[in-house]
C-alpha atoms as a PDB file:
ATOM      1  CA  MET A   1       0.000   0.000   0.000  1.00  0.00           C
ATOM      2  CA  THR A   2       2.738   2.475   0.894  1.00  0.00           C
ATOM      3  CA  VAL A   3       4.864   1.447  -2.060  1.00  0.00           C
ATOM      4  CA  GLU A   4       1.901   1.933  -4.366  1.00  0.00           C
ATOM      5  CA  LYS A   5       1.291   5.391  -2.997  1.00  0.00           C
ATOM      6  CA  VAL A   6       4.929   6.428  -3.472  1.00  0.00           C
ATOM      7  CA  SER A   7       4.853   5.279  -7.085  1.00  0.00           C
ATOM      8  CA  LYS A   8       1.912   7.558  -7.965  1.00  0.00           C
ATOM      9  CA  PRO A   9       2.660  10.443 -10.360  1.00  0.00           C
ATOM     10  CA  VAL A  10       3.652  13.629  -8.540  1.00  0.00           C
ATOM     11  CA  ARG A  11       0.758  15.567 -10.076  1.00  0.00           C
ATOM     12  CA  THR A  12      -1.762  13.421  -8.204  1.00  0.00           C
ATOM     13  CA  SER A  13       0.152  12.917  -4.962  1.00  0.00           C
ATOM     14  CA  HIS A  14      -1.323  15.829  -2.980  1.00  0.00           C
ATOM     15  CA  ARG A  15      -4.891  15.072  -3.973  1.00  0.00           C
ATOM     16  CA  GLY A  16      -4.363  11.371  -3.394  1.00  0.00           C
ATOM     17  CA  ALA A  17      -2.837  11.988   0.018  1.00  0.00           C
ATOM     18  CA  ALA A  18      -5.778  14.205   0.992  1.00  0.00           C
ATOM     19  CA  THR A  19      -8.276  11.560  -0.112  1.00  0.00           C
ATOM     20  CA  ARG A  20      -6.407   8.836   1.730  1.00  0.00           C
ATOM     21  CA  SER A  21      -6.265  10.948   4.884  1.00  0.00           C
ATOM     22  CA  ALA A  22      -9.999  11.691   4.678  1.00  0.00           C
ATOM     23  CA  LEU A  23     -10.787   7.993   4.279  1.00  0.00           C
ATOM     24  CA  LEU A  24      -8.659   7.067   7.283  1.00  0.00           C
ATOM     25  CA  LYS A  25     -10.250   9.778   9.422  1.00  0.00           C
ATOM     26  CA  ALA A  26     -13.701   8.617   8.374  1.00  0.00           C
ATOM     27  CA  ALA A  27     -12.831   4.972   9.016  1.00  0.00           C
ATOM     28  CA  ALA A  28     -11.598   5.805  12.509  1.00  0.00           C
ATOM     29  CA  HIS A  29     -14.875   7.598  13.248  1.00  0.00           C
ATOM     30  CA  VAL A  30     -17.037   4.787  11.885  1.00  0.00           C
ATOM     31  CA  PHE A  31     -15.039   2.028  13.602  1.00  0.00           C
ATOM     32  CA  ARG A  32     -15.239   3.846  16.929  1.00  0.00           C
ATOM     33  CA  THR A  33     -18.962   4.482  16.525  1.00  0.00           C
ATOM     34  CA  VAL A  34     -20.264   1.094  15.407  1.00  0.00           C
ATOM     35  CA  GLY A  35     -17.247  -1.183  15.779  1.00  0.00           C
ATOM     36  CA  PHE A  36     -15.131  -2.802  13.108  1.00  0.00           C
ATOM     37  CA  ALA A  37     -17.348  -5.841  12.608  1.00  0.00           C
ATOM     38  CA  ARG A  38     -20.498  -3.800  12.006  1.00  0.00           C
ATOM     39  CA  ALA A  39     -18.862  -1.050   9.962  1.00  0.00           C
ATOM     40  CA  GLY A  40     -19.390  -0.959   6.220  1.00  0.00           C
ATOM     41  CA  VAL A  41     -17.349   0.497   3.390  1.00  0.00           C
ATOM     42  CA  SER A  42     -20.375   2.554   2.307  1.00  0.00           C
ATOM     43  CA  GLU A  43     -20.466   4.258   5.721  1.00  0.00           C
ATOM     44  CA  VAL A  44     -16.791   5.121   5.495  1.00  0.00           C
ATOM     45  CA  VAL A  45     -16.975   6.689   2.031  1.00  0.00           C
ATOM     46  CA  GLU A  46     -20.120   8.605   2.965  1.00  0.00           C
ATOM     47  CA  GLN A  47     -18.420   9.990   6.071  1.00  0.00           C
ATOM     48  CA  ALA A  48     -15.337  10.888   4.014  1.00  0.00           C
ATOM     49  CA  GLY A  49     -17.318  12.465   1.190  1.00  0.00           C
ATOM     50  CA  ALA A  50     -15.488  10.144  -1.196  1.00  0.00           C
ATOM     51  CA  SER A  51     -16.424   7.373  -3.600  1.00  0.00           C
ATOM     52  CA  VAL A  52     -16.175   3.624  -3.249  1.00  0.00           C
ATOM     53  CA  GLY A  53     -13.765   3.664  -6.171  1.00  0.00           C
ATOM     54  CA  SER A  54     -11.444   6.077  -4.405  1.00  0.00           C
ATOM     55  CA  LEU A  55     -11.422   3.864  -1.326  1.00  0.00           C
ATOM     56  CA  TYR A  56     -10.417   0.819  -3.355  1.00  0.00           C
ATOM     57  CA  HIS A  57      -7.801   2.895  -5.132  1.00  0.00           C
ATOM     58  CA  HIS A  58      -5.994   3.419  -1.833  1.00  0.00           C
ATOM     59  CA  PHE A  59      -7.040   0.370   0.207  1.00  0.00           C
ATOM     60  CA  THR A  60      -8.035  -3.218  -0.433  1.00  0.00           C
ATOM     61  CA  GLY A  61     -11.011  -2.941   1.896  1.00  0.00           C
ATOM     62  CA  LYS A  62     -12.168  -2.461   5.445  1.00  0.00           C
ATOM     63  CA  ALA A  63      -9.428  -4.558   7.035  1.00  0.00           C
ATOM     64  CA  ASP A  64      -6.757  -2.648   5.133  1.00  0.00           C
ATOM     65  CA  LEU A  65      -8.147   0.616   6.508  1.00  0.00           C
ATOM     66  CA  TYR A  66      -7.988  -0.794  10.028  1.00  0.00           C
ATOM     67  CA  HIS A  67      -4.397  -1.959   9.617  1.00  0.00           C
ATOM     68  CA  ALA A  68      -3.379   1.404   8.142  1.00  0.00           C
ATOM     69  CA  LEU A  69      -4.892   3.195  11.147  1.00  0.00           C
ATOM     70  CA  TYR A  70      -2.959   0.884  13.456  1.00  0.00           C
ATOM     71  CA  GLU A  71       0.311   1.504  11.630  1.00  0.00           C
ATOM     72  CA  GLU A  72      -0.177   5.269  11.918  1.00  0.00           C
ATOM     73  CA  PHE A  73      -0.950   4.916  15.632  1.00  0.00           C
ATOM     74  CA  GLN A  74       2.135   2.783  16.152  1.00  0.00           C
ATOM     75  CA  GLN A  75       4.290   5.337  14.348  1.00  0.00           C
ATOM     76  CA  ARG A  76       3.037   8.077  16.657  1.00  0.00           C
ATOM     77  CA  GLN A  77       3.735   5.849  19.638  1.00  0.00           C
ATOM     78  CA  GLN A  78       7.214   5.091  18.380  1.00  0.00           C
ATOM     79  CA  ASP A  79       7.862   8.811  17.985  1.00  0.00           C
ATOM     80  CA  ARG A  80       6.707   9.386  21.573  1.00  0.00           C
ATOM     81  CA  THR A  81       8.925   6.703  23.019  1.00  0.00           C
ATOM     82  CA  HIS A  82      11.924   7.844  20.988  1.00  0.00           C
ATOM     83  CA  ARG A  83      11.471  11.416  22.244  1.00  0.00           C
ATOM     84  CA  ALA A  84      11.165  10.237  25.833  1.00  0.00           C
ATOM     85  CA  VAL A  85      14.328   8.139  25.576  1.00  0.00           C
ATOM     86  CA  ALA A  86      16.227  10.952  23.824  1.00  0.00           C
ATOM     87  CA  GLU A  87      15.224  13.384  26.587  1.00  0.00           C
ATOM     88  CA  ALA A  88      16.320  10.895  29.247  1.00  0.00           C
ATOM     89  CA  ARG A  89      19.654  10.423  27.497  1.00  0.00           C
ATOM     90  CA  ALA A  90      20.076  14.209  27.303  1.00  0.00           C
ATOM     91  CA  ARG A  91      19.646  14.320  31.090  1.00  0.00           C
ATOM     92  CA  GLY A  92      22.484  11.826  31.399  1.00  0.00           C
ATOM     93  CA  GLU A  93      20.587   8.548  31.683  1.00  0.00           C
ATOM     94  CA  SER A  94      22.401   5.647  30.051  1.00  0.00           C
ATOM     95  CA  ASP A  95      21.162   2.580  31.901  1.00  0.00           C
ATOM     96  CA  PRO A  96      19.237   0.467  29.340  1.00  0.00           C
ATOM     97  CA  THR A  97      16.826  -0.875  31.954  1.00  0.00           C
ATOM     98  CA  ARG A  98      15.757   2.604  33.059  1.00  0.00           C
ATOM     99  CA  LEU A  99      15.555   3.741  29.436  1.00  0.00           C
ATOM    100  CA  MET A 100      13.268   0.792  28.713  1.00  0.00           C
ATOM    101  CA  TYR A 101      10.931   1.813  31.517  1.00  0.00           C
ATOM    102  CA  THR A 102      11.027   5.429  30.339  1.00  0.00           C
ATOM    103  CA  ALA A 103       9.870   4.230  26.931  1.00  0.00           C
ATOM    104  CA  ALA A 104       7.179   2.062  28.523  1.00  0.00           C
ATOM    105  CA  ARG A 105       5.765   5.011  30.472  1.00  0.00           C
ATOM    106  CA  ALA A 106       5.763   7.165  27.337  1.00  0.00           C
ATOM    107  CA  TYR A 107       3.894   4.444  25.457  1.00  0.00           C
ATOM    108  CA  LEU A 108       1.228   4.269  28.161  1.00  0.00           C
ATOM    109  CA  GLU A 109       0.926   8.065  28.122  1.00  0.00           C
ATOM    110  CA  GLY A 110       0.298   7.921  24.389  1.00  0.00           C
ATOM    111  CA  CYS A 111      -2.427   5.340  24.957  1.00  0.00           C
ATOM    112  CA  ILE A 112      -4.084   7.648  27.471  1.00  0.00           C
ATOM    113  CA  GLU A 113      -3.824  10.677  25.184  1.00  0.00           C
ATOM    114  CA  GLU A 114      -5.306   8.672  22.308  1.00  0.00           C
ATOM    115  CA  ARG A 115      -7.716   6.615  24.385  1.00  0.00           C
ATOM    116  CA  GLU A 116     -10.423   6.245  21.738  1.00  0.00           C
ATOM    117  CA  THR A 117      -7.914   5.174  19.116  1.00  0.00           C
ATOM    118  CA  THR A 118      -6.213   2.739  21.489  1.00  0.00           C
ATOM    119  CA  LEU A 119      -9.565   1.203  22.456  1.00  0.00           C
ATOM    120  CA  LEU A 120     -10.178   0.562  18.790  1.00  0.00           C
ATOM    121  CA  PHE A 121      -7.166  -1.742  18.651  1.00  0.00           C
ATOM    122  CA  PHE A 122      -7.393  -3.340  22.094  1.00  0.00           C
ATOM    123  CA  SER A 123     -11.137  -4.040  22.211  1.00  0.00           C
ATOM    124  CA  GLY A 124     -10.883  -7.396  20.448  1.00  0.00           C
ATOM    125  CA  ASP A 125     -13.116  -6.138  17.621  1.00  0.00           C
ATOM    126  CA  GLY A 126     -10.671  -6.177  14.741  1.00  0.00           C
ATOM    127  CA  PRO A 127     -10.100  -8.029  11.491  1.00  0.00           C
ATOM    128  CA  PRO A 128      -9.132 -11.711  11.526  1.00  0.00           C
ATOM    129  CA  GLY A 129      -5.507 -12.209  12.502  1.00  0.00           C
ATOM    130  CA  PHE A 130      -5.112  -8.813  14.153  1.00  0.00           C
ATOM    131  CA  ASP A 131      -4.366 -10.347  17.558  1.00  0.00           C
ATOM    132  CA  SER A 132      -1.330 -12.033  16.051  1.00  0.00           C
ATOM    133  CA  LYS A 133      -0.204  -8.643  14.765  1.00  0.00           C
ATOM    134  CA  LEU A 134      -0.366  -7.238  18.305  1.00  0.00           C
ATOM    135  CA  ARG A 135       1.739 -10.147  19.537  1.00  0.00           C
ATOM    136  CA  GLU A 136       4.220  -9.592  16.718  1.00  0.00           C
ATOM    137  CA  ARG A 137       4.556  -5.938  17.729  1.00  0.00           C
ATOM    138  CA  LEU A 138       5.294  -7.040  21.281  1.00  0.00           C
ATOM    139  CA  ARG A 139       8.053  -9.282  19.960  1.00  0.00           C
ATOM    140  CA  GLN A 140       9.450  -6.377  17.965  1.00  0.00           C
ATOM    141  CA  TRP A 141       9.393  -4.194  21.092  1.00  0.00           C
ATOM    142  CA  THR A 142      11.286  -6.917  22.940  1.00  0.00           C
ATOM    143  CA  ASP A 143      13.798  -7.137  20.103  1.00  0.00           C
ATOM    144  CA  ARG A 144      14.385  -3.372  20.245  1.00  0.00           C
ATOM    145  CA  ASN A 145      15.049  -3.630  23.963  1.00  0.00           C
ATOM    146  CA  VAL A 146      17.471  -6.482  23.354  1.00  0.00           C
ATOM    147  CA  ALA A 147      19.316  -4.195  20.950  1.00  0.00           C
ATOM    148  CA  LEU A 148      19.277  -1.434  23.575  1.00  0.00           C
ATOM    149  CA  PHE A 149      20.984  -3.700  26.103  1.00  0.00           C
ATOM    150  CA  ARG A 150      23.518  -4.993  23.598  1.00  0.00           C
ATOM    151  CA  LYS A 151      24.374  -1.474  22.460  1.00  0.00           C
ATOM    152  CA  ALA A 152      25.121  -0.619  26.091  1.00  0.00           C
ATOM    153  CA  ASP A 153      27.201  -3.800  26.319  1.00  0.00           C
ATOM    154  CA  GLU A 154      24.905  -5.069  29.070  1.00  0.00           C
ATOM    155  CA  PRO A 155      23.784  -8.689  29.521  1.00  0.00           C
ATOM    156  CA  VAL A 156      20.374  -9.446  28.044  1.00  0.00           C
ATOM    157  CA  ASP A 157      17.831 -10.974  30.426  1.00  0.00           C
ATOM    158  CA  GLU A 158      15.246 -12.354  28.011  1.00  0.00           C
ATOM    159  CA  ALA A 159      12.975 -13.492  30.844  1.00  0.00           C
ATOM    160  CA  LEU A 160      12.798  -9.922  32.163  1.00  0.00           C
ATOM    161  CA  LEU A 161      12.019  -8.547  28.710  1.00  0.00           C
ATOM    162  CA  MET A 162       9.220 -11.075  28.193  1.00  0.00           C
ATOM    163  CA  VAL A 163       7.702 -10.252  31.587  1.00  0.00           C
ATOM    164  CA  VAL A 164       7.808  -6.517  30.845  1.00  0.00           C
ATOM    165  CA  SER A 165       6.325  -7.012  27.370  1.00  0.00           C
ATOM    166  CA  GLY A 166       3.441  -9.095  28.706  1.00  0.00           C
ATOM    167  CA  ALA A 167       2.815  -6.626  31.518  1.00  0.00           C
ATOM    168  CA  MET A 168       2.676  -3.780  29.011  1.00  0.00           C
ATOM    169  CA  LEU A 169      -0.033  -5.493  26.977  1.00  0.00           C
ATOM    170  CA  LEU A 170      -2.180  -5.898  30.084  1.00  0.00           C
ATOM    171  CA  ALA A 171      -1.348  -2.374  31.266  1.00  0.00           C
ATOM    172  CA  VAL A 172      -2.618  -0.830  28.036  1.00  0.00           C
ATOM    173  CA  THR A 173      -5.960  -2.623  28.287  1.00  0.00           C
ATOM    174  CA  GLU A 174      -6.402  -1.318  31.826  1.00  0.00           C
ATOM    175  CA  VAL A 175      -5.274   2.309  31.606  1.00  0.00           C
ATOM    176  CA  ILE A 176      -7.490   3.103  28.605  1.00  0.00           C
ATOM    177  CA  ARG A 177     -10.570   2.154  30.610  1.00  0.00           C
ATOM    178  CA  ARG A 178      -9.944   4.747  33.338  1.00  0.00           C
ATOM    179  CA  ASP A 179     -10.408   8.500  33.357  1.00  0.00           C
ATOM    180  CA  ASP A 180      -7.285  10.566  32.685  1.00  0.00           C
ATOM    181  CA  ALA A 181      -6.226  11.170  36.285  1.00  0.00           C
ATOM    182  CA  GLU A 182      -6.766   7.567  37.379  1.00  0.00           C
ATOM    183  CA  ALA A 183      -5.176   6.237  34.188  1.00  0.00           C
ATOM    184  CA  ARG A 184      -2.015   8.264  34.756  1.00  0.00           C
ATOM    185  CA  ARG A 185      -1.815   7.179  38.392  1.00  0.00           C
ATOM    186  CA  LEU A 186      -2.132   3.568  37.285  1.00  0.00           C
ATOM    187  CA  ALA A 187       0.466   4.049  34.540  1.00  0.00           C
ATOM    188  CA  ASP A 188       2.860   5.529  37.124  1.00  0.00           C
ATOM    189  CA  ASP A 189       2.188   2.647  39.519  1.00  0.00           C
ATOM    190  CA  ILE A 190       2.725   0.043  36.806  1.00  0.00           C
ATOM    191  CA  THR A 191       5.982   1.494  35.538  1.00  0.00           C
ATOM    192  CA  GLY A 192       7.079   2.099  39.131  1.00  0.00           C
ATOM    193  CA  LEU A 193       6.579  -1.573  39.947  1.00  0.00           C
ATOM    194  CA  LEU A 194       8.238  -2.696  36.733  1.00  0.00           C
ATOM    195  CA  SER A 195      11.218  -0.448  37.412  1.00  0.00           C
ATOM    196  CA  ARG A 196      11.955  -2.495  40.524  1.00  0.00           C
ATOM    197  CA  LEU A 197      12.720  -5.434  38.255  1.00  0.00           C
ATOM    198  CA  GLU A 198      16.381  -5.592  37.382  1.00  0.00           C
ATOM    199  CA  PRO A 199      18.159  -7.849  34.905  1.00  0.00           C
ATOM    200  CA  ARG A 200      19.769 -10.876  36.419  1.00  0.00           C
ATOM    201  CA  ARG A 201      23.545 -10.657  36.321  1.00  0.00           C
ATOM    202  CA  PRO A 202      25.521 -13.609  35.058  1.00  0.00           C
ATOM    203  CA  ALA A 203      27.072 -15.624  37.854  1.00  0.00           C
ATOM    204  CA  ALA A 204      30.758 -14.967  38.287  1.00  0.00           C
ATOM    205  CA  GLU A 205      32.882 -17.730  36.864  1.00  0.00           C
ATOM    206  CA  GLY A 206      34.688 -19.570  39.587  1.00  0.00           C
END
């Protein structure tokens, strides 16, 4: 989908991008209002003021719209966590464990700020196979943390990373169901508890 968009002639790129953006915005509204399963393509194009043909020019269908919305959300979340880690590094933080928890707290904050969007992806009402995509993203997050530890020349505790990844999935589903103040308190409590977990150090060779 992205490759196809990039290959479009320049003269149509701005109009095409505007149409695509309108369709995604409309899809988000419709999915939030009636749920993914009950949503129809006709509702999306009506909300967007577009045509069915224009939708199928940019997307393969309803599921493709949903996945595109998720990818955009994940990109925003990645930007948030990168900023948080960069700010922590600028303050002198270099410990990969603490940087991981800084990123985790930033991710939860993004979920709170975009509660309605996050609920869309963590409600269980998505296209077939989407749950496996969430699990794959968790594995990717774990892999990035592995890289963070290796870059710092620190031992990698895979058990710790798996525990943190699983806790984050549960944490997201809980914080987005609370009001802002309670959600942020819970996010602080969760990351505070997680931050007490430290990687196991290899036993000294005797």
